[in-house]
Amino acid sequence: MNKFFCMRSVFPAAAAVILALCLPAFSGAVWEKDDTGQAFGDRIIFGSVGEASNLIPYLSTDSASHEVADLIFVAPLRYNADLQIEPWAAETFSVEDEGRFLRFTLRKGILWEDGRELTAEDVAFTYRLVIDPATASPYADDFLRVKEFRVTGRYSFEARYENFFARAVASWMNPVLPKHILEGQDIRKTPFSRKPLGAGAYRLKDWAPGSRITLAASPTYFMGRPRIAEVVYRIIPDNASMFMETRANRLDVMNLSPLQYLRETDGPAWEANFDKYHYLASVYVFLGFNMEHPFFKDVRVRRAISLAVNRDDIVKGVLLGQGVPAFGPFMPGTWAYHPALSPVRQNVEAAAALLAEAGFADNDGDGVLERDGRPFSFTILTNQGNDQRILTAEVIQNELAAVGIDARIRTVEWAAFIREFVDKGRFDAVILGWTIPQDPDIYTIWHSSQAREGGLNFTRYISSEVDALLEEARTTPDQSVRAALYRRFQEVLDREQPYCFLFVPYALPLVQRRFMGIKPALAGIMYNFDEWWVPKSAQRYTVTP
């Protein structure tokens, strides 16, 4: 699913540029954009290539599921418009003992959908559930760092850490689950995954598999009932169909392709009815190698493929300039980025030499290399409906053919792609993207302990050197020391190339102009979604409870 943030995980170092780029590309409006006479009602319809797989946030690893769950559940903390952590379900919190002790007080009167009050016991239940080995949550590590968790009152709790932990505060931006509903259930089999009960801004109203997910505004949301009465996520498996639905005014929000943004959304009709936004997304796209594949175990092969790929060609040809090449997991210009590292650039001759050194040769003259009688043929897997990734795969396919590698392309429906292939490590190589987090701790993606089924290290990359660097970096409070550790980490990734880093795209969301209250900020345009509204005279839909 496309996530329309500028993003909440963008680093403040790029603040001025990002804020400018978040401003709408169109000028003028059908409706005057003021905050007077705010009305309740109407429906907003998002287009989504992928369908949610599981609405229990601690079990799902796909963005489609998390985007829906973000509206259903609440967490003690969250990011504000300026990407600073602020209380949400918590009324107050404090950080003590040099970051090793956190104290929280929840707001009183936060209600679950069934009218029960959310309390510290729900937080304690969620904490215990996530660290339970039977849950097998890919997000458990943050909570496993807690040495002692204590409920100190109906609305208060505290967490003590043995050592400084860089993500200690951010860990409590994870959602709270209802103890009175889930206690005693098998979390991996419960119907709650498709019929959740939350305390957030919206409630699940209906889920028509393969078609749409509908949410209704919660009248008991503790920050006030959202003004938009209903949110619909329509599952549309390809971008072209989604664009046609948007043009026909059957979708209100979609993420445009570069071609659609640059050439297909000009003219009075588009400019009168839609706002376009343009900003460098805090996401990188990569080609990830399955380290258990016999060819990709050889670092020379991985480096050869990275040398064969021209990232500038992808940015120009696939993104039409709407992105920048990526050479690592951090955003350039941020404190963790390695400015002195020379990135891997296309060098076909060097790629061919590495492949020859690794024992590959075209012995039968068919244009495809072999080693030990086995042709160098593998499949690039990505998700259906994502034209950007499919076109990227085609560019890579052509560039690898030039060095004697037969790369084939397979696309799979989103939910099956994640559940049956990515999570289970059933692929040769995969094109996917990761959000670049606010804090550079990316332990869960790269540490060897996460190289398991359902873990986020699904390429099964194992490096004791990387493990040691990541472990030290997340327990060191000195930012300059952390920066040095992360730069050494990037040097290892550059040397070993477990991913072929490809590009950072521009996010290009399009939003129907009848929606008011959109305030572009460092956190993007969705951080205050519960404050969006539509003037009564402009509302298109009559929504029934």
Protein backbone atom coordinates (compact mmCIF):
# COMPACT_ATOMS: atom_id res chain seq x y z
CA MET A 1 0.00 0.00 0.00
CA ASN A 2 1.17 3.51 -0.70
CA LYS A 3 1.79 5.54 2.44
CA PHE A 4 1.40 9.27 2.01
CA PHE A 5 3.91 10.63 4.46
CA CYS A 6 6.63 13.16 3.81
CA MET A 7 7.55 10.98 5.82
CA ARG A 8 7.15 10.56 9.56
CA SER A 9 10.50 8.82 9.43
CA VAL A 10 12.39 11.52 7.49
CA PHE A 11 15.38 12.94 9.34
CA PRO A 12 15.17 16.60 10.45
CA ALA A 13 18.48 17.38 8.70
CA ALA A 14 16.62 17.54 5.41
CA ALA A 15 13.84 19.64 6.92
CA ALA A 16 13.92 22.75 4.76
CA VAL A 17 14.00 20.88 1.48
CA ILE A 18 11.35 18.38 2.52
CA LEU A 19 8.92 20.98 3.80
CA ALA A 20 9.17 22.92 0.56
CA LEU A 21 8.63 19.81 -1.51
CA CYS A 22 5.52 18.89 0.46
CA LEU A 23 3.66 21.94 -0.76
CA PRO A 24 0.95 21.17 -3.34
CA ALA A 25 2.00 21.37 -6.97
CA PHE A 26 -1.33 22.80 -8.15
CA SER A 27 -2.55 26.28 -7.32
CA GLY A 28 -6.12 27.45 -6.93
CA ALA A 29 -8.98 25.46 -5.49
CA VAL A 30 -12.62 24.67 -6.00
CA TRP A 31 -13.27 25.05 -2.25
CA GLU A 32 -11.81 27.76 -0.08
CA LYS A 33 -9.27 26.10 2.21
CA ASP A 34 -10.05 27.57 5.60
CA ASP A 35 -10.83 26.01 8.96
CA THR A 36 -14.21 27.63 9.58
CA GLY A 37 -17.45 25.71 9.71
CA GLN A 38 -15.74 22.33 9.91
CA ALA A 39 -18.30 19.65 9.14
CA PHE A 40 -18.64 15.98 9.98
CA GLY A 41 -19.43 13.54 7.21
CA ASP A 42 -18.38 12.25 3.79
CA ARG A 43 -16.11 9.37 2.85
CA ILE A 44 -12.50 9.27 1.67
CA ILE A 45 -11.47 6.49 -0.71
CA PHE A 46 -7.85 5.40 -0.99
CA GLY A 47 -6.51 3.16 -3.73
CA SER A 48 -4.29 0.30 -2.63
CA VAL A 49 -2.39 -2.17 -4.78
CA GLY A 50 -2.00 -4.53 -1.82
CA GLU A 51 -4.53 -5.86 0.63
CA ALA A 52 -3.95 -6.01 4.37
CA SER A 53 -2.96 -9.46 5.58
CA ASN A 54 -3.35 -9.19 9.37
CA LEU A 55 -4.60 -6.28 11.48
CA ILE A 56 -2.66 -7.36 14.57
CA PRO A 57 0.28 -4.95 14.14
CA TYR A 58 2.79 -7.16 15.95
CA LEU A 59 2.30 -10.00 13.47
CA SER A 60 2.07 -8.21 10.12
CA THR A 61 5.12 -7.09 8.18
CA ASP A 62 3.40 -5.38 5.23
CA SER A 63 2.59 -1.69 4.90
CA ALA A 64 -0.99 -2.39 3.78
CA SER A 65 -1.81 -3.95 7.15
CA HIS A 66 -0.01 -1.31 9.17
CA GLU A 67 -1.69 1.59 7.40
CA VAL A 68 -5.13 0.31 8.36
CA ALA A 69 -4.07 -0.69 11.88
CA ASP A 70 -2.60 2.78 12.47
CA LEU A 71 -6.13 4.20 12.36
CA ILE A 72 -7.64 1.51 14.62
CA PHE A 73 -5.18 1.40 17.52
CA VAL A 74 -3.42 3.93 19.74
CA ALA A 75 0.03 3.91 21.32
CA PRO A 76 1.45 5.70 24.35
CA LEU A 77 3.59 7.94 22.11
CA ARG A 78 3.68 9.18 18.50
CA TYR A 79 5.48 11.61 16.20
CA ASN A 80 4.10 15.14 15.89
CA ALA A 81 4.15 17.35 12.78
CA ASP A 82 7.83 18.17 13.36
CA LEU A 83 8.85 14.54 13.83
CA GLN A 84 9.32 14.99 17.55
CA ILE A 85 8.02 12.28 19.87
CA GLU A 86 5.00 13.43 21.88
CA PRO A 87 2.48 11.82 24.26
CA TRP A 88 -0.61 10.28 22.65
CA ALA A 89 -2.41 7.73 24.80
CA ALA A 90 0.05 8.77 27.48
CA GLU A 91 -0.68 12.00 29.29
CA THR A 92 2.91 12.36 30.42
CA PHE A 93 6.18 10.45 30.21
CA SER A 94 9.65 10.99 31.58
CA VAL A 95 13.11 9.66 30.76
CA GLU A 96 15.39 9.15 33.76
CA ASP A 97 18.68 7.52 34.80
CA GLU A 98 20.43 8.57 31.58
CA GLY A 99 17.79 6.92 29.42
CA ARG A 100 17.60 3.63 31.31
CA PHE A 101 14.31 4.30 33.09
CA LEU A 102 11.01 5.41 31.53
CA ARG A 103 7.91 6.43 33.44
CA PHE A 104 4.44 6.80 31.83
CA THR A 105 1.03 8.03 32.92
CA LEU A 106 -1.86 7.23 30.58
CA ARG A 107 -4.79 9.53 29.93
CA LYS A 108 -7.94 8.62 31.80
CA GLY A 109 -11.10 7.85 29.88
CA ILE A 110 -9.63 6.26 26.73
CA LEU A 111 -12.22 3.71 25.67
CA TRP A 112 -12.03 0.54 23.63
CA GLU A 113 -14.83 0.19 21.09
CA ASP A 114 -16.86 -1.94 23.50
CA GLY A 115 -16.79 0.77 26.16
CA ARG A 116 -14.13 -0.76 28.42
CA GLU A 117 -11.42 1.64 29.56
CA LEU A 118 -7.84 1.32 28.32
CA THR A 119 -5.49 1.02 31.29
CA ALA A 120 -1.91 0.18 32.16
CA GLU A 121 -2.95 -3.48 32.37
CA ASP A 122 -3.54 -3.40 28.61
CA VAL A 123 -0.03 -2.05 28.09
CA ALA A 124 1.38 -4.78 30.35
CA PHE A 125 -0.58 -7.44 28.49
CA THR A 126 0.69 -6.14 25.14
CA TYR A 127 4.27 -6.10 26.40
CA ARG A 128 4.04 -9.70 27.66
CA LEU A 129 2.31 -10.85 24.49
CA VAL A 130 4.97 -9.40 22.20
CA ILE A 131 7.92 -10.91 24.09
CA ASP A 132 6.23 -14.34 24.34
CA PRO A 133 8.18 -16.74 22.07
CA ALA A 134 4.87 -18.29 21.00
CA THR A 135 3.86 -14.97 19.45
CA ALA A 136 7.01 -14.96 17.31
CA SER A 137 6.64 -11.25 16.61
CA PRO A 138 9.26 -9.72 14.30
CA TYR A 139 9.05 -6.63 16.51
CA ALA A 140 9.75 -8.36 19.82
CA ASP A 141 13.36 -7.25 20.14
CA ASP A 142 12.55 -3.70 21.24
CA PHE A 143 10.59 -5.05 24.21
CA LEU A 144 13.05 -7.81 25.01
CA ARG A 145 15.48 -5.02 25.92
CA VAL A 146 13.30 -4.14 28.92
CA LYS A 147 14.88 -5.52 32.10
CA GLU A 148 11.86 -4.82 34.30
CA PHE A 149 8.31 -3.73 33.47
CA ARG A 150 5.97 -2.65 36.28
CA VAL A 151 2.39 -1.46 36.45
CA THR A 152 2.39 1.18 39.18
CA GLY A 153 -1.27 2.19 39.06
CA ARG A 154 -4.42 1.92 36.98
CA TYR A 155 -3.01 4.45 34.52
CA SER A 156 0.73 4.29 35.17
CA PHE A 157 3.61 2.00 34.28
CA GLU A 158 7.37 2.07 34.07
CA ALA A 159 10.10 0.29 32.14
CA ARG A 160 13.68 -0.17 33.24
CA TYR A 161 16.54 -1.09 30.91
CA GLU A 162 19.79 -2.66 32.02
CA ASN A 163 21.75 -0.51 29.57
CA PHE A 164 21.06 2.53 27.48
CA PHE A 165 18.92 1.50 24.49
CA ALA A 166 18.67 3.94 21.57
CA ARG A 167 15.12 2.92 20.69
CA ALA A 168 13.79 2.80 24.24
CA VAL A 169 11.45 5.78 23.89
CA ALA A 170 10.48 4.99 20.29
CA SER A 171 9.51 1.46 21.35
CA TRP A 172 6.47 2.90 23.10
CA MET A 173 5.13 4.24 19.82
CA ASN A 174 3.89 0.69 19.23
CA PRO A 175 0.13 0.11 19.67
CA VAL A 176 -1.70 -1.14 22.73
CA LEU A 177 -3.92 -4.25 22.41
CA PRO A 178 -7.01 -5.05 24.53
CA LYS A 179 -6.28 -7.50 27.33
CA HIS A 180 -9.94 -8.28 28.02
CA ILE A 181 -10.43 -9.46 24.42
CA LEU A 182 -7.18 -11.27 23.66
CA GLU A 183 -6.15 -12.80 26.97
CA GLY A 184 -6.19 -16.59 26.72
CA GLN A 185 -6.42 -16.64 22.93
CA ASP A 186 -3.88 -18.07 20.51
CA ILE A 187 -2.67 -14.81 18.98
CA ARG A 188 -1.73 -16.54 15.74
CA LYS A 189 -5.18 -18.07 15.25
CA THR A 190 -7.53 -15.51 16.74
CA PRO A 191 -10.25 -13.97 14.52
CA PHE A 192 -9.12 -10.64 16.00
CA SER A 193 -6.63 -10.42 13.11
CA ARG A 194 -9.54 -9.71 10.76
CA LYS A 195 -12.04 -8.33 13.29
CA PRO A 196 -9.97 -6.06 15.51
CA LEU A 197 -11.28 -3.93 18.34
CA GLY A 198 -9.28 -0.80 19.01
CA ALA A 199 -9.32 2.55 20.76
CA GLY A 200 -8.19 4.67 17.83
CA ALA A 201 -9.75 7.25 15.55
CA TYR A 202 -11.53 4.67 13.40
CA ARG A 203 -13.21 1.28 13.77
CA LEU A 204 -13.39 -1.58 11.30
CA LYS A 205 -16.83 -1.47 9.68
CA ASP A 206 -16.45 -4.03 6.92
CA TRP A 207 -13.81 -6.11 5.16
CA ALA A 208 -14.72 -7.51 1.77
CA PRO A 209 -11.69 -9.68 0.90
CA GLY A 210 -10.05 -8.74 -2.36
CA SER A 211 -12.29 -5.69 -2.73
CA ARG A 212 -12.22 -3.15 0.09
CA ILE A 213 -11.73 -2.41 3.77
CA THR A 214 -14.09 0.15 5.31
CA LEU A 215 -13.48 2.03 8.55
CA ALA A 216 -15.97 4.21 10.42
CA ALA A 217 -15.12 7.22 12.58
CA SER A 218 -15.10 6.33 16.26
CA PRO A 219 -17.54 8.46 18.30
CA THR A 220 -15.57 7.65 21.45
CA TYR A 221 -12.05 8.50 20.20
CA PHE A 222 -10.42 10.33 23.09
CA MET A 223 -9.10 13.15 20.87
CA GLY A 224 -12.53 13.75 19.37
CA ARG A 225 -14.50 12.03 16.66
CA PRO A 226 -12.70 12.41 13.29
CA ARG A 227 -14.53 14.71 10.90
CA ILE A 228 -14.38 12.33 7.93
CA ALA A 229 -17.07 9.77 8.67
CA GLU A 230 -15.72 6.84 6.68
CA VAL A 231 -12.40 5.65 5.26
CA VAL A 232 -12.34 3.11 2.44
CA TYR A 233 -9.29 1.27 1.13
CA ARG A 234 -10.14 -0.11 -2.30
CA ILE A 235 -7.96 -2.99 -3.45
CA ILE A 236 -7.01 -2.29 -7.07
CA PRO A 237 -4.23 -4.58 -8.26
CA ASP A 238 -2.54 -2.28 -10.76
CA ASN A 239 -1.62 1.38 -11.00
CA ALA A 240 -3.21 1.94 -14.42
CA SER A 241 -6.64 0.81 -13.23
CA MET A 242 -6.23 2.89 -10.10
CA PHE A 243 -5.47 5.96 -12.21
CA MET A 244 -8.58 5.41 -14.32
CA GLU A 245 -10.68 5.16 -11.16
CA THR A 246 -9.15 8.38 -9.86
CA ARG A 247 -9.79 10.19 -13.13
CA ALA A 248 -13.41 9.02 -12.95
CA ASN A 249 -13.65 10.49 -9.41
CA ARG A 250 -14.09 7.07 -7.83
CA LEU A 251 -10.88 7.43 -5.79
CA ASP A 252 -9.86 10.40 -3.67
CA VAL A 253 -6.22 9.58 -2.95
CA MET A 254 -3.57 7.68 -4.89
CA ASN A 255 0.17 7.69 -5.29
CA LEU A 256 0.99 8.71 -8.85
CA SER A 257 3.62 7.12 -11.04
CA PRO A 258 6.27 9.54 -12.36
CA LEU A 259 4.62 9.47 -15.81
CA GLN A 260 1.22 10.25 -14.31
CA TYR A 261 2.67 13.02 -12.18
CA LEU A 262 4.65 14.69 -14.96
CA ARG A 263 2.44 14.24 -18.01
CA GLU A 264 -0.98 12.80 -17.32
CA THR A 265 -2.40 15.02 -14.57
CA ASP A 266 -2.06 18.43 -16.21
CA GLY A 267 -4.93 20.58 -17.37
CA PRO A 268 -7.84 22.52 -15.85
CA ALA A 269 -9.89 19.49 -14.78
CA TRP A 270 -7.05 17.96 -12.77
CA GLU A 271 -5.92 21.28 -11.33
CA ALA A 272 -9.45 22.24 -10.28
CA ASN A 273 -10.15 18.98 -8.51
CA PHE A 274 -6.86 17.65 -7.11
CA ASP A 275 -3.74 18.67 -5.21
CA LYS A 276 -0.45 17.00 -6.14
CA TYR A 277 2.38 16.68 -3.62
CA HIS A 278 6.04 16.02 -4.41
CA TYR A 279 8.76 15.08 -1.93
CA LEU A 280 11.68 12.72 -1.53
CA ALA A 281 10.25 9.73 0.28
CA SER A 282 12.09 8.27 3.24
CA VAL A 283 12.14 4.90 1.51
CA TYR A 284 14.78 3.02 -0.43
CA VAL A 285 14.15 0.30 -3.00
CA PHE A 286 16.58 -2.60 -3.29
CA LEU A 287 17.32 -5.92 -4.95
CA GLY A 288 17.82 -8.35 -2.07
CA PHE A 289 19.74 -11.60 -2.55
CA ASN A 290 18.74 -14.84 -0.84
CA MET A 291 21.96 -15.72 0.95
CA GLU A 292 21.05 -19.40 0.93
CA HIS A 293 21.10 -19.48 -2.88
CA PRO A 294 24.29 -21.28 -3.98
CA PHE A 295 25.35 -18.47 -6.32
CA PHE A 296 24.57 -15.59 -3.96
CA LYS A 297 26.61 -17.06 -1.11
CA ASP A 298 29.63 -15.80 -3.07
CA VAL A 299 30.31 -12.12 -2.36
CA ARG A 300 32.00 -11.80 -5.76
CA VAL A 301 28.70 -12.65 -7.45
CA ARG A 302 26.75 -10.12 -5.40
CA ARG A 303 29.31 -7.41 -6.09
CA ALA A 304 29.30 -8.28 -9.78
CA ILE A 305 25.55 -7.80 -9.99
CA SER A 306 25.77 -4.45 -8.19
CA LEU A 307 28.50 -3.39 -10.61
CA ALA A 308 26.40 -4.45 -13.60
CA VAL A 309 23.39 -2.33 -12.58
CA ASN A 310 23.23 1.32 -13.62
CA ARG A 311 21.18 3.11 -10.98
CA ASP A 312 21.21 6.35 -12.95
CA ASP A 313 19.52 4.52 -15.84
CA ILE A 314 16.78 3.35 -13.47
CA VAL A 315 16.24 6.84 -12.05
CA LYS A 316 16.10 8.38 -15.52
CA GLY A 317 14.25 5.63 -17.37
CA VAL A 318 11.88 4.23 -14.75
CA LEU A 319 11.43 7.19 -12.40
CA LEU A 320 11.74 9.87 -15.11
CA GLY A 321 14.06 11.71 -12.75
CA GLN A 322 11.66 11.48 -9.80
CA GLY A 323 14.16 9.96 -7.41
CA VAL A 324 17.85 9.63 -6.59
CA PRO A 325 20.21 6.63 -6.67
CA ALA A 326 20.59 4.73 -3.39
CA PHE A 327 23.83 3.19 -2.18
CA GLY A 328 22.98 2.28 1.40
CA PRO A 329 20.25 2.18 4.05
CA PHE A 330 20.56 5.78 5.32
CA MET A 331 19.46 9.09 3.86
CA PRO A 332 22.30 11.29 2.54
CA GLY A 333 22.87 14.34 4.70
CA THR A 334 21.86 12.69 7.95
CA TRP A 335 24.18 12.08 10.87
CA ALA A 336 24.41 8.30 10.36
CA TYR A 337 25.19 8.53 6.64
CA HIS A 338 28.76 7.78 5.50
CA PRO A 339 29.74 10.78 3.34
CA ALA A 340 33.21 9.49 2.46
CA LEU A 341 32.10 6.09 1.16
CA SER A 342 32.59 5.71 -2.59
CA PRO A 343 29.37 4.13 -3.88
CA VAL A 344 29.26 1.19 -6.24
CA ARG A 345 28.81 2.57 -9.76
CA GLN A 346 28.23 0.61 -12.94
CA ASN A 347 31.38 -1.03 -14.25
CA VAL A 348 30.58 -3.86 -16.65
CA GLU A 349 34.20 -4.85 -17.14
CA ALA A 350 34.78 -5.17 -13.39
CA ALA A 351 31.56 -7.16 -13.07
CA ALA A 352 32.67 -9.59 -15.78
CA ALA A 353 36.07 -9.99 -14.13
CA LEU A 354 34.50 -10.83 -10.76
CA LEU A 355 32.21 -13.41 -12.34
CA ALA A 356 35.17 -15.03 -14.08
CA GLU A 357 37.08 -15.05 -10.80
CA ALA A 358 34.08 -16.76 -9.18
CA GLY A 359 34.34 -19.58 -11.75
CA PHE A 360 31.68 -18.57 -14.28
CA ALA A 361 32.25 -18.91 -18.01
CA ASP A 362 30.12 -19.21 -21.14
CA ASN A 363 31.41 -22.61 -22.19
CA ASP A 364 28.69 -23.41 -24.72
CA GLY A 365 28.52 -19.98 -26.35
CA ASP A 366 24.81 -19.40 -25.68
CA GLY A 367 25.39 -16.04 -24.00
CA VAL A 368 24.68 -17.36 -20.49
CA LEU A 369 27.44 -18.08 -18.00
CA GLU A 370 27.76 -21.47 -16.31
CA ARG A 371 29.55 -22.79 -13.26
CA ASP A 372 29.95 -26.50 -12.64
CA GLY A 373 27.57 -27.15 -15.51
CA ARG A 374 24.78 -25.00 -14.05
CA PRO A 375 23.64 -21.93 -16.03
CA PHE A 376 23.60 -18.64 -14.15
CA SER A 377 19.85 -18.20 -14.21
CA PHE A 378 17.73 -16.86 -11.37
CA THR A 379 14.34 -15.26 -10.79
CA ILE A 380 13.69 -11.72 -9.56
CA LEU A 381 10.49 -11.71 -7.52
CA THR A 382 8.36 -8.63 -6.86
CA ASN A 383 4.73 -7.73 -6.25
CA GLN A 384 1.99 -7.42 -8.83
CA GLY A 385 0.63 -3.98 -9.57
CA ASN A 386 3.81 -2.10 -8.70
CA ASP A 387 4.83 -0.89 -12.15
CA GLN A 388 7.85 0.92 -10.76
CA ARG A 389 9.36 -2.26 -9.36
CA ILE A 390 8.42 -4.33 -12.41
CA LEU A 391 10.05 -1.82 -14.78
CA THR A 392 13.09 -1.73 -12.50
CA ALA A 393 13.32 -5.51 -12.72
CA GLU A 394 13.22 -5.27 -16.52
CA VAL A 395 16.10 -2.78 -16.56
CA ILE A 396 18.13 -5.04 -14.27
CA GLN A 397 17.26 -8.04 -16.44
CA ASN A 398 18.67 -6.31 -19.53
CA GLU A 399 21.81 -5.10 -17.77
CA LEU A 400 22.56 -8.53 -16.32
CA ALA A 401 22.11 -10.12 -19.73
CA ALA A 402 25.02 -7.98 -20.90
CA VAL A 403 27.33 -9.81 -18.45
CA GLY A 404 25.93 -13.28 -19.18
CA ILE A 405 23.33 -13.63 -16.42
CA ASP A 406 19.85 -14.89 -17.26
CA ALA A 407 17.51 -13.02 -14.89
CA ARG A 408 13.84 -13.87 -15.08
CA ILE A 409 10.97 -11.90 -13.56
CA ARG A 410 8.00 -13.16 -11.59
CA THR A 411 5.26 -11.08 -9.99
CA VAL A 412 2.96 -12.27 -7.21
CA GLU A 413 -0.16 -10.76 -5.61
CA TRP A 414 0.86 -8.63 -2.62
CA ALA A 415 -0.47 -10.67 0.31
CA ALA A 416 0.86 -13.96 -1.11
CA PHE A 417 4.12 -12.25 -2.05
CA ILE A 418 4.77 -11.33 1.59
CA ARG A 419 3.21 -14.35 3.31
CA GLU A 420 4.31 -17.21 1.07
CA PHE A 421 7.55 -15.96 -0.43
CA VAL A 422 9.25 -13.09 1.44
CA ASP A 423 8.47 -14.23 4.99
CA LYS A 424 9.43 -17.82 4.17
CA GLY A 425 12.57 -16.97 2.21
CA ARG A 426 11.21 -18.65 -0.93
CA PHE A 427 12.94 -16.54 -3.57
CA ASP A 428 16.22 -16.17 -5.42
CA ALA A 429 16.22 -12.38 -5.34
CA VAL A 430 13.50 -9.90 -4.48
CA ILE A 431 12.76 -6.24 -5.24
CA LEU A 432 11.25 -4.51 -2.22
CA GLY A 433 11.51 -1.27 -0.27
CA TRP A 434 12.22 -0.29 3.33
CA THR A 435 11.18 2.87 5.14
CA ILE A 436 14.22 4.74 6.46
CA PRO A 437 13.52 5.12 10.20
CA GLN A 438 13.84 8.28 12.26
CA ASP A 439 16.51 6.62 14.40
CA PRO A 440 19.14 4.74 12.37
CA ASP A 441 18.85 1.60 14.49
CA ILE A 442 17.98 -1.04 11.86
CA TYR A 443 18.88 -4.05 13.97
CA THR A 444 15.67 -5.91 13.08
CA ILE A 445 16.53 -5.86 9.36
CA TRP A 446 20.22 -6.74 9.49
CA HIS A 447 20.99 -8.65 12.70
CA SER A 448 21.48 -12.40 12.30
CA SER A 449 18.98 -13.12 15.09
CA GLN A 450 16.26 -11.85 12.74
CA ALA A 451 17.28 -14.22 9.91
CA ARG A 452 14.36 -16.61 10.39
CA GLU A 453 10.95 -17.31 8.94
CA GLY A 454 8.79 -14.27 9.55
CA GLY A 455 11.80 -12.19 10.56
CA LEU A 456 12.64 -8.94 8.80
CA ASN A 457 16.10 -10.23 7.83
CA PHE A 458 14.41 -12.36 5.18
CA THR A 459 17.49 -12.49 2.93
CA ARG A 460 19.15 -14.53 5.72
CA TYR A 461 22.20 -12.26 5.81
CA ILE A 462 24.50 -13.31 8.65
CA SER A 463 27.59 -11.35 9.66
CA SER A 464 29.18 -11.41 13.10
CA GLU A 465 30.84 -8.09 12.29
CA VAL A 466 27.52 -6.45 11.48
CA ASP A 467 25.92 -8.00 14.57
CA ALA A 468 28.60 -6.51 16.82
CA LEU A 469 28.35 -3.05 15.24
CA LEU A 470 24.56 -2.93 15.49
CA GLU A 471 24.56 -4.17 19.08
CA GLU A 472 27.08 -1.57 20.18
CA ALA A 473 25.41 1.27 18.26
CA ARG A 474 22.03 0.76 19.91
CA THR A 475 23.50 0.75 23.42
CA THR A 476 25.68 3.85 23.02
CA PRO A 477 24.20 7.24 24.01
CA ASP A 478 26.93 9.31 22.33
CA GLN A 479 25.70 10.22 18.84
CA SER A 480 29.22 10.74 17.47
CA VAL A 481 30.20 7.24 18.60
CA ARG A 482 27.02 5.81 17.09
CA ALA A 483 27.74 7.64 13.84
CA ALA A 484 31.20 6.08 13.64
CA LEU A 485 29.73 2.62 14.25
CA TYR A 486 27.06 3.07 11.59
CA ARG A 487 29.69 4.24 9.11
CA ARG A 488 31.66 1.06 9.73
CA PHE A 489 28.40 -0.85 9.25
CA GLN A 490 27.90 0.84 5.87
CA GLU A 491 31.45 -0.08 4.88
CA VAL A 492 30.63 -3.75 5.54
CA LEU A 493 27.43 -3.54 3.48
CA ASP A 494 29.32 -1.84 0.67
CA ARG A 495 31.96 -4.57 0.74
CA GLU A 496 29.57 -7.53 0.99
CA GLN A 497 26.57 -6.19 -1.00
CA PRO A 498 23.80 -8.28 0.64
CA TYR A 499 21.47 -5.84 -1.10
CA CYS A 500 21.94 -4.12 -4.40
CA PHE A 501 20.64 -0.72 -3.26
CA LEU A 502 18.76 0.92 -6.12
CA PHE A 503 17.00 4.24 -5.50
CA VAL A 504 15.09 6.58 -3.21
CA PRO A 505 11.90 7.63 -5.04
CA TYR A 506 9.91 10.81 -4.79
CA ALA A 507 6.49 10.30 -3.25
CA LEU A 508 3.85 11.73 -5.58
CA PRO A 509 0.47 11.63 -3.82
CA LEU A 510 -2.65 13.09 -5.39
CA VAL A 511 -5.50 14.21 -3.10
CA GLN A 512 -9.01 15.34 -4.06
CA ARG A 513 -9.33 19.06 -3.33
CA ARG A 514 -12.54 18.90 -1.33
CA PHE A 515 -10.56 17.67 1.68
CA MET A 516 -9.63 20.48 4.05
CA GLY A 517 -7.22 20.58 6.97
CA ILE A 518 -4.21 19.18 5.10
CA LYS A 519 -1.15 20.87 6.59
CA PRO A 520 2.13 19.78 4.97
CA ALA A 521 4.89 19.42 7.54
CA LEU A 522 8.03 17.43 8.19
CA ALA A 523 5.79 14.49 9.05
CA GLY A 524 4.11 14.76 5.66
CA ILE A 525 0.41 15.19 5.02
CA MET A 526 -1.17 12.26 6.87
CA TYR A 527 0.02 12.93 10.42
CA ASN A 528 -3.17 14.91 11.20
CA PHE A 529 -5.56 12.83 9.12
CA ASP A 530 -8.13 12.73 11.93
CA GLU A 531 -8.41 16.52 11.51
CA TRP A 532 -9.17 16.50 7.79
CA TRP A 533 -12.71 17.51 6.85
CA VAL A 534 -15.00 18.33 3.94
CA PRO A 535 -17.34 21.35 3.78
CA LYS A 536 -20.98 20.32 3.93
CA SER A 537 -21.64 21.76 0.48
CA ALA A 538 -18.81 19.71 -1.03
CA GLN A 539 -19.58 16.34 0.54
CA ARG A 540 -20.24 13.58 -2.00
CA TYR A 541 -21.41 10.71 0.15
CA THR A 542 -24.06 10.22 2.79
CA VAL A 543 -22.59 7.81 5.30
CA THR A 544 -24.78 5.66 7.51
CA PRO A 545 -23.43 4.28 10.80
